[in-house]
Amino acid sequence: MKKFNSSRNIIIALTIVIIVVLLISFSAMQRDNKKESLPGQSEVNGVVATVDKVVKAPFRGIENAVKSVNNLFNTYSENDDLKKKIDYVASLEAEVKNLKAENEKLKTQLELSETLSGYEKINATVINRSPDSWQDVLIIDKGKKDGIDVNMAVMGDKGLIGRVIIAENHSAKVELLTTVNQNTNHFPVMIQSEKDKSVYGLMEAYNNKTHTLVVSQLTSSEAIKEGTPVTTSGLGNNSPKGLLVGEVKEVKKSKTGLHDEILVTPIADMYDANVVTVVKRLAGTNE
């Protein structure tokens, strides 16, 4: 009985396979001959396509999400690279600007050196300047080994800015004209009056309010015009004669009212001095 059932099942299965094969063959022939599907096949295809879309939809969503995340990371990376390039360009622009400013100062210093052709001079670079004593002192990279000594005058971009107060072997400390130190050695200066008469005085202080140098102990105060150049006089053996200091801004009474004094606008920029010239002495003379 079991063998009979088994044989029957085999026969049924073979019959179904044969029918399916015949249907597929017939469908193919029908499609090739009539260029159209069998009745009901379109509906079946539509159902299969719909099921395919529904099944694949989550996977497509995941794939799109992965692509979006990848694109986001790529965009972030590109943005970071662009920021670094922008920062680098900004750094280069700042460096170029600083180099241009330094170049201009060097040109100005060279022009000043040409005007000091009669003096022995030493060019030096400022290597240190403390913020808490910015208007008092600065350190240069030349010293005794280079011929620099105490009390030598120091010129900035256009004129006098101070004098050497300490000279080491390879460096020197320069005290600026803007110092608040009242015990410093003062520069003797000279002003030419309108009467072609030389007026002598002593530059003894710096006025922070008016940003001017104060010249007192004048030999005369008559006919001194605003804008007149003020130079070192060479007296006192502390500095050569003829170094430009600044211009007369005002002639006024002193605080005590007992004598006149002159306010002088410095010609050199003492707050932005990077390169200086140390003047030793007038070549061929004792000045």
Protein backbone atom coordinates (compact mmCIF):
# COMPACT_ATOMS: atom_id res chain seq x y z
CA MET A 1 0.00 0.00 0.00
CA LYS A 2 2.83 2.32 0.89
CA LYS A 3 4.65 1.49 -2.35
CA PHE A 4 1.48 2.29 -4.30
CA ASN A 5 1.12 5.69 -2.59
CA SER A 6 4.78 6.50 -3.19
CA SER A 7 4.47 5.65 -6.89
CA ARG A 8 1.35 7.75 -7.14
CA ASN A 9 3.06 10.75 -5.56
CA ILE A 10 5.94 10.44 -7.98
CA ILE A 11 3.59 10.31 -10.90
CA ILE A 12 1.68 13.37 -9.64
CA ALA A 13 4.93 15.31 -9.11
CA LEU A 14 6.16 14.42 -12.60
CA THR A 15 2.82 15.39 -14.07
CA ILE A 16 2.98 18.82 -12.33
CA VAL A 17 6.54 19.38 -13.53
CA ILE A 18 5.58 18.47 -17.08
CA ILE A 19 2.58 20.82 -16.94
CA VAL A 20 4.72 23.69 -15.59
CA VAL A 21 7.35 23.13 -18.27
CA LEU A 22 4.68 23.05 -20.95
CA LEU A 23 3.12 26.27 -19.59
CA ILE A 24 6.46 28.04 -19.53
CA SER A 25 7.26 26.87 -23.05
CA PHE A 26 3.84 27.85 -24.29
CA SER A 27 4.13 31.24 -22.57
CA ALA A 28 7.47 31.86 -24.23
CA MET A 29 6.14 30.88 -27.62
CA GLN A 30 3.05 33.00 -27.13
CA ARG A 31 5.16 36.01 -26.14
CA ASP A 32 7.46 35.58 -29.11
CA ASN A 33 4.60 35.14 -31.59
CA LYS A 34 2.13 37.68 -30.29
CA LYS A 35 4.56 39.98 -28.49
CA GLU A 36 2.27 39.97 -25.44
CA SER A 37 1.90 38.13 -22.16
CA LEU A 38 -0.56 35.40 -21.38
CA PRO A 39 -3.83 36.26 -19.67
CA GLY A 40 -3.12 37.01 -15.99
CA GLN A 41 0.64 37.17 -16.44
CA SER A 42 0.73 40.96 -16.35
CA GLU A 43 -1.13 40.98 -13.07
CA VAL A 44 1.27 38.42 -11.66
CA ASN A 45 4.25 40.46 -12.84
CA GLY A 46 2.77 43.57 -11.24
CA VAL A 47 2.29 41.79 -7.96
CA VAL A 48 5.85 40.45 -8.08
CA ALA A 49 7.24 43.95 -8.88
CA THR A 50 5.27 45.47 -6.00
CA VAL A 51 6.49 42.82 -3.60
CA ASP A 52 10.05 43.42 -4.86
CA LYS A 53 9.77 47.15 -4.21
CA VAL A 54 8.37 46.62 -0.72
CA VAL A 55 11.09 44.12 0.17
CA LYS A 56 13.93 46.23 -1.26
CA ALA A 57 12.69 49.59 0.07
CA PRO A 58 14.31 49.27 3.57
CA PHE A 59 17.59 48.15 2.03
CA ARG A 60 17.56 51.09 -0.37
CA GLY A 61 16.86 53.41 2.55
CA ILE A 62 19.80 52.00 4.49
CA GLU A 63 22.02 52.30 1.41
CA ASN A 64 20.99 55.95 0.89
CA ALA A 65 21.58 56.70 4.58
CA VAL A 66 25.08 55.20 4.40
CA LYS A 67 25.82 57.28 1.29
CA SER A 68 24.56 60.43 3.04
CA VAL A 69 26.76 59.77 6.08
CA ASN A 70 29.77 59.18 3.82
CA ASN A 71 29.02 62.40 1.94
CA LEU A 72 28.71 64.27 5.25
CA PHE A 73 32.09 63.01 6.46
CA ASN A 74 33.65 63.85 3.09
CA THR A 75 32.18 67.36 3.27
CA TYR A 76 33.46 67.82 6.82
CA SER A 77 36.92 66.68 5.80
CA GLU A 78 36.97 69.00 2.78
CA ASN A 79 35.73 71.88 4.94
CA ASP A 80 38.46 71.23 7.50
CA ASP A 81 41.08 71.20 4.72
CA LEU A 82 39.72 74.48 3.35
CA LYS A 83 39.84 76.07 6.81
CA LYS A 84 43.48 75.01 7.20
CA LYS A 85 44.31 76.45 3.78
CA ILE A 86 42.55 79.72 4.65
CA ASP A 87 44.44 79.95 7.96
CA TYR A 88 47.69 79.24 6.12
CA VAL A 89 46.97 81.96 3.55
CA ALA A 90 46.12 84.42 6.35
CA SER A 91 49.39 83.52 8.08
CA LEU A 92 51.31 84.09 4.85
CA GLU A 93 49.62 87.46 4.33
CA ALA A 94 50.54 88.55 7.87
CA GLU A 95 54.12 87.37 7.34
CA VAL A 96 54.37 89.24 4.04
CA LYS A 97 52.96 92.37 5.67
CA ASN A 98 55.52 92.15 8.50
CA LEU A 99 58.35 91.57 6.01
CA LYS A 100 57.24 94.59 3.98
CA ALA A 101 57.14 96.77 7.11
CA GLU A 102 60.57 95.51 8.16
CA ASN A 103 61.91 96.13 4.66
CA GLU A 104 60.64 99.71 4.76
CA LYS A 105 62.32 100.24 8.13
CA LEU A 106 65.58 98.85 6.77
CA LYS A 107 65.35 101.20 3.79
CA THR A 108 64.74 104.15 6.11
CA GLN A 109 67.64 103.06 8.32
CA LEU A 110 69.87 102.83 5.24
CA GLU A 111 68.87 106.35 4.22
CA LEU A 112 69.68 107.54 7.75
CA SER A 113 73.08 105.80 7.59
CA GLU A 114 73.82 107.65 4.36
CA THR A 115 73.10 110.99 6.07
CA LEU A 116 75.51 109.95 8.86
CA SER A 117 78.35 109.39 6.41
CA GLY A 118 80.70 111.48 8.56
CA TYR A 119 80.12 109.32 11.63
CA GLU A 120 81.39 105.94 12.67
CA LYS A 121 78.26 103.88 13.09
CA ILE A 122 77.19 100.33 13.97
CA ASN A 123 73.88 98.85 12.81
CA ALA A 124 72.13 96.57 15.31
CA THR A 125 68.86 94.70 15.76
CA VAL A 126 66.58 94.94 18.78
CA ILE A 127 66.47 91.48 20.38
CA ASN A 128 64.53 92.14 23.58
CA ARG A 129 62.10 94.70 24.93
CA SER A 130 60.20 94.12 28.13
CA PRO A 131 56.50 95.16 28.16
CA ASP A 132 56.79 96.59 31.68
CA SER A 133 59.66 98.88 30.61
CA TRP A 134 58.65 99.40 26.97
CA GLN A 135 59.27 103.16 26.98
CA ASP A 136 62.42 102.93 29.08
CA VAL A 137 64.94 100.43 27.65
CA LEU A 138 65.61 97.92 24.88
CA ILE A 139 68.35 95.36 24.21
CA ILE A 140 70.35 95.22 20.96
CA ASP A 141 72.48 92.37 19.52
CA LYS A 142 75.77 94.30 19.37
CA GLY A 143 78.16 95.01 22.24
CA LYS A 144 81.77 95.66 23.22
CA LYS A 145 83.06 93.10 20.71
CA ASP A 146 81.55 95.29 18.00
CA GLY A 147 82.97 98.54 19.36
CA ILE A 148 79.93 99.70 21.34
CA ASP A 149 80.50 101.49 24.63
CA VAL A 150 78.49 103.29 27.31
CA ASN A 151 77.01 106.73 26.47
CA MET A 152 77.06 106.20 22.69
CA ALA A 153 74.07 107.75 20.95
CA VAL A 154 71.52 105.45 19.34
CA MET A 155 69.47 106.42 16.27
CA GLY A 156 66.12 105.00 15.22
CA ASP A 157 64.45 105.15 11.80
CA LYS A 158 64.77 108.93 11.45
CA GLY A 159 66.55 110.37 14.45
CA LEU A 160 67.86 110.01 17.97
CA ILE A 161 66.05 107.56 20.26
CA GLY A 162 68.44 107.13 23.21
CA ARG A 163 71.90 106.16 24.43
CA VAL A 164 73.78 103.04 25.53
CA ILE A 165 73.77 102.65 29.33
CA ILE A 166 75.20 99.12 29.64
CA ALA A 167 77.53 97.42 27.16
CA GLU A 168 78.17 93.65 27.37
CA ASN A 169 80.44 91.67 25.06
CA HIS A 170 77.70 90.67 22.62
CA SER A 171 74.76 92.90 23.56
CA ALA A 172 73.94 96.32 24.94
CA LYS A 173 71.12 98.02 26.84
CA VAL A 174 69.76 101.24 25.37
CA GLU A 175 67.91 103.79 27.46
CA LEU A 176 65.27 105.62 25.42
CA LEU A 177 64.50 109.33 25.39
CA THR A 178 61.00 108.44 26.61
CA THR A 179 62.31 106.97 29.87
CA VAL A 180 60.75 108.05 33.15
CA ASN A 181 64.13 107.71 34.84
CA GLN A 182 64.94 111.18 36.13
CA ASN A 183 68.54 110.25 37.01
CA THR A 184 69.59 109.56 33.44
CA ASN A 185 72.31 111.56 31.73
CA HIS A 186 70.48 114.19 29.69
CA PHE A 187 71.31 115.10 26.09
CA PRO A 188 72.56 118.64 25.43
CA VAL A 189 70.73 119.99 22.38
CA MET A 190 70.81 122.94 20.03
CA ILE A 191 68.07 124.96 18.26
CA GLN A 192 68.60 127.54 15.56
CA SER A 193 66.56 130.70 16.18
CA GLU A 194 65.13 132.97 13.48
CA LYS A 195 67.98 135.39 14.17
CA ASP A 196 70.47 132.71 13.06
CA LYS A 197 71.57 132.40 16.62
CA SER A 198 72.16 128.99 18.19
CA VAL A 199 70.16 128.36 21.32
CA TYR A 200 71.46 125.65 23.66
CA GLY A 201 69.57 123.67 26.24
CA LEU A 202 69.32 120.36 28.07
CA MET A 203 66.80 117.67 27.18
CA GLU A 204 65.79 116.49 30.62
CA ALA A 205 62.39 114.76 30.55
CA TYR A 206 59.57 113.23 28.53
CA ASN A 207 55.99 114.46 28.85
CA ASN A 208 53.60 111.48 28.58
CA LYS A 209 50.57 113.72 28.20
CA THR A 210 51.84 115.75 25.24
CA HIS A 211 54.21 113.01 23.96
CA THR A 212 57.01 115.55 23.77
CA LEU A 213 60.57 115.92 25.03
CA VAL A 214 61.16 118.77 27.46
CA VAL A 215 64.19 121.01 26.88
CA SER A 216 65.10 123.38 29.68
CA GLN A 217 68.08 125.47 30.88
CA LEU A 218 67.89 127.46 27.65
CA THR A 219 70.54 130.03 26.84
CA SER A 220 67.75 132.03 25.18
CA SER A 221 64.14 131.59 24.15
CA GLU A 222 63.79 134.48 21.73
CA ALA A 223 62.73 134.00 18.12
CA ILE A 224 62.38 130.22 18.36
CA LYS A 225 59.81 129.20 15.77
CA GLU A 226 57.52 126.16 15.85
CA GLY A 227 58.78 123.38 13.56
CA THR A 228 62.46 124.33 13.97
CA PRO A 229 64.74 121.27 13.98
CA VAL A 230 66.35 120.28 17.28
CA THR A 231 69.72 118.51 17.15
CA THR A 232 72.38 117.34 19.58
CA SER A 233 74.91 120.05 20.36
CA GLY A 234 77.94 117.82 20.96
CA LEU A 235 78.61 119.49 24.29
CA GLY A 236 79.37 117.37 27.34
CA ASN A 237 81.22 114.69 25.31
CA ASN A 238 78.22 112.35 25.60
CA SER A 239 77.06 112.53 22.00
CA PRO A 240 78.22 113.71 18.58
CA LYS A 241 77.04 117.04 17.24
CA GLY A 242 74.23 117.36 14.73
CA LEU A 243 72.11 114.24 15.39
CA LEU A 244 68.46 115.07 14.68
CA VAL A 245 66.20 114.80 17.73
CA GLY A 246 62.92 116.34 16.63
CA GLU A 247 61.06 119.59 15.98
CA VAL A 248 59.97 122.42 18.22
CA LYS A 249 56.29 122.09 19.10
CA GLU A 250 55.89 124.86 21.66
CA VAL A 251 57.80 127.36 23.79
CA LYS A 252 56.21 127.74 27.22
CA LYS A 253 56.85 128.68 30.78
CA SER A 254 58.06 125.98 33.16
CA LYS A 255 55.91 124.73 36.03
CA THR A 256 57.58 127.19 38.39
CA GLY A 257 57.11 130.04 35.90
CA LEU A 258 60.69 131.20 36.47
CA HIS A 259 62.06 130.25 33.07
CA ASP A 260 61.05 129.08 29.60
CA GLU A 261 61.18 125.55 28.26
CA ILE A 262 60.67 123.98 24.85
CA LEU A 263 58.46 121.03 24.01
CA VAL A 264 60.00 118.94 21.22
CA THR A 265 58.16 116.36 19.11
CA PRO A 266 60.52 113.38 18.55
CA ILE A 267 61.27 112.67 14.89
CA ALA A 268 61.88 108.93 15.45
CA ASP A 269 59.33 106.27 16.37
CA MET A 270 60.60 104.92 19.68
CA TYR A 271 57.68 102.55 20.20
CA ASP A 272 58.31 100.55 17.03
CA ALA A 273 62.10 100.34 16.81
CA ASN A 274 63.35 97.05 15.34
CA VAL A 275 66.62 98.18 13.79
CA VAL A 276 68.89 100.89 15.24
CA THR A 277 72.19 102.59 14.48
CA VAL A 278 74.74 103.23 17.22
CA VAL A 279 76.82 106.34 16.52
CA LYS A 280 80.37 106.14 17.84
CA ARG A 281 81.90 109.51 17.02
CA LEU A 282 82.51 111.97 14.23
CA ALA A 283 85.22 110.45 12.03
CA GLY A 284 88.43 112.48 12.05
CA THR A 285 87.39 114.80 14.90
CA ASN A 286 86.94 114.72 18.65
CA GLU A 287 83.24 115.53 18.41
